[in-house]
N, C-alpha and C. Protein backbone atom coordinates (compact mmCIF):
# COMPACT_ATOMS: atom_id res chain seq x y z
N MET A 1 154.73 208.20 -24.39
CA MET A 1 153.52 208.94 -24.12
C MET A 1 152.53 208.65 -25.24
N LYS A 2 151.26 208.53 -24.84
CA LYS A 2 150.21 208.24 -25.78
C LYS A 2 149.00 209.10 -25.44
N VAL A 3 148.27 209.58 -26.44
CA VAL A 3 147.06 210.36 -26.23
C VAL A 3 145.87 209.50 -26.64
N VAL A 4 144.92 209.34 -25.74
CA VAL A 4 143.72 208.53 -26.00
C VAL A 4 142.52 209.47 -25.96
N PHE A 5 141.69 209.43 -26.99
CA PHE A 5 140.49 210.26 -27.03
C PHE A 5 139.31 209.47 -26.50
N CYS A 6 138.47 210.14 -25.73
CA CYS A 6 137.33 209.47 -25.13
C CYS A 6 136.22 210.51 -24.93
N TYR A 7 134.98 210.07 -25.04
CA TYR A 7 133.85 210.94 -24.71
C TYR A 7 133.36 210.56 -23.34
N ASN A 8 133.33 211.55 -22.45
CA ASN A 8 132.94 211.31 -21.07
C ASN A 8 131.94 212.39 -20.67
N ALA A 9 130.75 211.99 -20.29
CA ALA A 9 129.70 212.92 -19.86
C ALA A 9 129.44 213.99 -20.91
N GLY A 10 129.47 213.59 -22.18
CA GLY A 10 129.15 214.51 -23.25
C GLY A 10 130.27 215.44 -23.67
N MET A 11 131.45 215.28 -23.13
CA MET A 11 132.57 216.12 -23.54
C MET A 11 133.73 215.26 -24.06
N GLN A 12 134.45 215.83 -24.97
CA GLN A 12 135.60 215.11 -25.53
C GLN A 12 136.78 215.26 -24.57
N VAL A 13 137.26 214.15 -24.07
CA VAL A 13 138.35 214.14 -23.10
C VAL A 13 139.54 213.41 -23.72
N GLN A 14 140.71 213.94 -23.49
CA GLN A 14 141.93 213.28 -23.95
C GLN A 14 142.72 212.85 -22.71
N TYR A 15 143.08 211.58 -22.69
CA TYR A 15 143.92 211.07 -21.61
C TYR A 15 145.33 210.92 -22.14
N ILE A 16 146.28 211.42 -21.41
CA ILE A 16 147.69 211.26 -21.77
C ILE A 16 148.24 210.18 -20.85
N THR A 17 148.79 209.14 -21.46
CA THR A 17 149.28 208.00 -20.69
C THR A 17 150.79 207.86 -20.84
N ASP A 18 151.39 207.14 -19.89
CA ASP A 18 152.81 206.85 -20.00
C ASP A 18 152.99 205.61 -20.89
N ASN A 19 154.20 205.14 -21.01
CA ASN A 19 154.49 204.00 -21.89
C ASN A 19 153.82 202.70 -21.43
N LYS A 20 153.43 202.64 -20.16
CA LYS A 20 152.77 201.44 -19.64
C LYS A 20 151.25 201.55 -19.72
N GLY A 21 150.76 202.66 -20.25
CA GLY A 21 149.32 202.85 -20.38
C GLY A 21 148.65 203.46 -19.17
N LYS A 22 149.44 203.88 -18.17
CA LYS A 22 148.88 204.49 -16.97
C LYS A 22 148.54 205.95 -17.26
N LYS A 23 147.29 206.34 -16.94
CA LYS A 23 146.85 207.71 -17.19
C LYS A 23 147.66 208.68 -16.33
N LYS A 24 148.17 209.72 -16.96
CA LYS A 24 148.98 210.72 -16.28
C LYS A 24 148.34 212.10 -16.28
N SER A 25 147.58 212.42 -17.32
CA SER A 25 146.97 213.74 -17.45
C SER A 25 145.65 213.63 -18.20
N VAL A 26 144.83 214.66 -18.03
CA VAL A 26 143.57 214.75 -18.75
C VAL A 26 143.51 216.11 -19.42
N VAL A 27 143.08 216.13 -20.66
CA VAL A 27 142.90 217.38 -21.39
C VAL A 27 141.42 217.48 -21.75
N VAL A 28 140.80 218.59 -21.35
CA VAL A 28 139.40 218.82 -21.68
C VAL A 28 139.30 220.13 -22.47
N PRO A 29 138.30 220.27 -23.32
CA PRO A 29 138.11 221.53 -24.02
C PRO A 29 137.94 222.68 -23.03
N PHE A 30 138.42 223.85 -23.40
CA PHE A 30 138.41 224.99 -22.49
C PHE A 30 137.00 225.35 -22.03
N ARG A 31 136.03 225.31 -22.92
CA ARG A 31 134.65 225.64 -22.56
C ARG A 31 134.15 224.67 -21.48
N ASP A 32 134.47 223.40 -21.63
CA ASP A 32 134.08 222.42 -20.62
C ASP A 32 134.78 222.72 -19.30
N TRP A 33 136.05 223.11 -19.37
CA TRP A 33 136.80 223.45 -18.16
C TRP A 33 136.15 224.62 -17.43
N GLU A 34 135.71 225.63 -18.19
CA GLU A 34 135.03 226.77 -17.57
C GLU A 34 133.75 226.32 -16.87
N ASN A 35 133.01 225.42 -17.50
CA ASN A 35 131.79 224.89 -16.89
C ASN A 35 132.10 224.11 -15.62
N ILE A 36 133.16 223.34 -15.64
CA ILE A 36 133.59 222.59 -14.45
C ILE A 36 133.93 223.56 -13.32
N GLN A 37 134.66 224.63 -13.65
CA GLN A 37 135.03 225.63 -12.64
C GLN A 37 133.79 226.29 -12.04
N LYS A 38 132.81 226.64 -12.87
CA LYS A 38 131.57 227.24 -12.37
C LYS A 38 130.84 226.29 -11.43
N GLU A 39 130.77 225.02 -11.82
CA GLU A 39 130.09 224.03 -10.98
C GLU A 39 130.82 223.85 -9.65
N MET A 40 132.13 223.83 -9.69
CA MET A 40 132.91 223.70 -8.45
C MET A 40 132.68 224.90 -7.54
N SER A 41 132.57 226.08 -8.12
CA SER A 41 132.31 227.28 -7.35
C SER A 41 130.95 227.19 -6.66
N LYS A 42 129.95 226.71 -7.38
CA LYS A 42 128.61 226.53 -6.80
C LYS A 42 128.67 225.53 -5.65
N GLN A 43 129.41 224.44 -5.86
CA GLN A 43 129.51 223.40 -4.82
C GLN A 43 130.18 223.94 -3.57
N ARG A 44 131.24 224.76 -3.74
CA ARG A 44 131.92 225.36 -2.59
C ARG A 44 130.96 226.27 -1.82
N ALA A 45 130.16 227.05 -2.56
CA ALA A 45 129.19 227.94 -1.91
C ALA A 45 128.17 227.13 -1.12
N MET A 46 127.68 226.05 -1.70
CA MET A 46 126.70 225.21 -1.01
C MET A 46 127.30 224.58 0.24
N LEU A 47 128.55 224.15 0.16
CA LEU A 47 129.20 223.58 1.35
C LEU A 47 129.36 224.62 2.44
N GLY A 48 129.66 225.86 2.04
CA GLY A 48 129.78 226.94 3.01
C GLY A 48 128.46 227.22 3.71
N ILE A 49 127.37 227.22 2.94
CA ILE A 49 126.04 227.45 3.51
C ILE A 49 125.68 226.31 4.46
N LYS A 50 125.95 225.08 4.02
CA LYS A 50 125.65 223.92 4.86
C LYS A 50 126.43 223.99 6.18
N SER A 51 127.68 224.38 6.10
CA SER A 51 128.51 224.50 7.29
C SER A 51 127.97 225.59 8.22
N ALA A 52 127.53 226.71 7.65
CA ALA A 52 126.99 227.81 8.46
C ALA A 52 125.71 227.39 9.16
N VAL A 53 124.84 226.67 8.45
CA VAL A 53 123.59 226.20 9.06
C VAL A 53 123.90 225.25 10.22
N GLU A 54 124.86 224.36 10.02
CA GLU A 54 125.24 223.42 11.08
C GLU A 54 125.81 224.17 12.28
N GLU A 55 126.61 225.20 12.02
CA GLU A 55 127.19 225.99 13.10
C GLU A 55 126.10 226.70 13.91
N VAL A 56 125.10 227.25 13.24
CA VAL A 56 123.99 227.91 13.94
C VAL A 56 123.21 226.90 14.77
N ARG A 57 122.98 225.71 14.22
CA ARG A 57 122.29 224.66 14.96
C ARG A 57 123.04 224.33 16.25
N GLN A 58 124.37 224.19 16.14
CA GLN A 58 125.17 223.88 17.32
C GLN A 58 125.12 225.01 18.35
N MET A 59 125.08 226.25 17.87
CA MET A 59 124.98 227.39 18.80
C MET A 59 123.64 227.37 19.52
N LYS A 60 122.57 227.08 18.78
CA LYS A 60 121.23 227.03 19.40
C LYS A 60 121.15 225.93 20.45
N GLU A 61 121.85 224.83 20.22
CA GLU A 61 121.85 223.71 21.17
C GLU A 61 122.84 223.91 22.30
N GLY A 62 123.59 225.01 22.26
CA GLY A 62 124.57 225.29 23.31
C GLY A 62 125.86 224.50 23.18
N LYS A 63 126.05 223.86 22.05
CA LYS A 63 127.26 223.06 21.83
C LYS A 63 128.42 223.89 21.30
N LYS A 64 128.12 225.10 20.88
CA LYS A 64 129.15 225.97 20.33
C LYS A 64 128.86 227.40 20.79
N ARG A 65 129.93 228.14 21.11
CA ARG A 65 129.77 229.51 21.58
C ARG A 65 129.52 230.43 20.39
N MET A 66 128.68 231.42 20.62
CA MET A 66 128.44 232.43 19.60
C MET A 66 129.64 233.36 19.52
N ARG A 67 129.86 233.88 18.33
CA ARG A 67 130.96 234.82 18.13
C ARG A 67 130.42 236.22 17.94
N SER A 68 131.25 237.18 18.23
CA SER A 68 130.83 238.58 18.04
C SER A 68 130.82 238.91 16.54
N MET A 69 130.10 239.96 16.19
CA MET A 69 130.04 240.39 14.80
C MET A 69 131.43 240.75 14.29
N ASP A 70 132.26 241.34 15.15
CA ASP A 70 133.62 241.68 14.73
C ASP A 70 134.41 240.44 14.31
N LYS A 71 134.28 239.37 15.08
CA LYS A 71 135.00 238.14 14.74
C LYS A 71 134.45 237.53 13.44
N LEU A 72 133.13 237.59 13.28
CA LEU A 72 132.55 237.09 12.03
C LEU A 72 133.07 237.86 10.83
N LEU A 73 133.12 239.17 10.94
CA LEU A 73 133.59 240.01 9.83
C LEU A 73 135.08 239.81 9.57
N ASP A 74 135.85 239.54 10.62
CA ASP A 74 137.28 239.27 10.44
C ASP A 74 137.52 238.03 9.61
N GLU A 75 136.59 237.06 9.66
CA GLU A 75 136.74 235.83 8.90
C GLU A 75 136.54 236.05 7.40
N LEU A 76 135.85 237.12 7.05
CA LEU A 76 135.61 237.40 5.64
C LEU A 76 136.84 238.00 5.07
């Protein structure tokens, strides 16, 4: 096992490799990890909104059936 230090996108990243040099793990500073998690959360929210807009478009075009409010609330 070998640890390689690298700067990637402004953060210090450590790659842990096996004996053949193949990357097996990545270690990032905790603060950077928290920022990554926040960004991923924002991306998931945006994908959800995009999916909802597409679903409404399909309903307006008659390609998808509308659901009752009860069914919508059950999904939450």
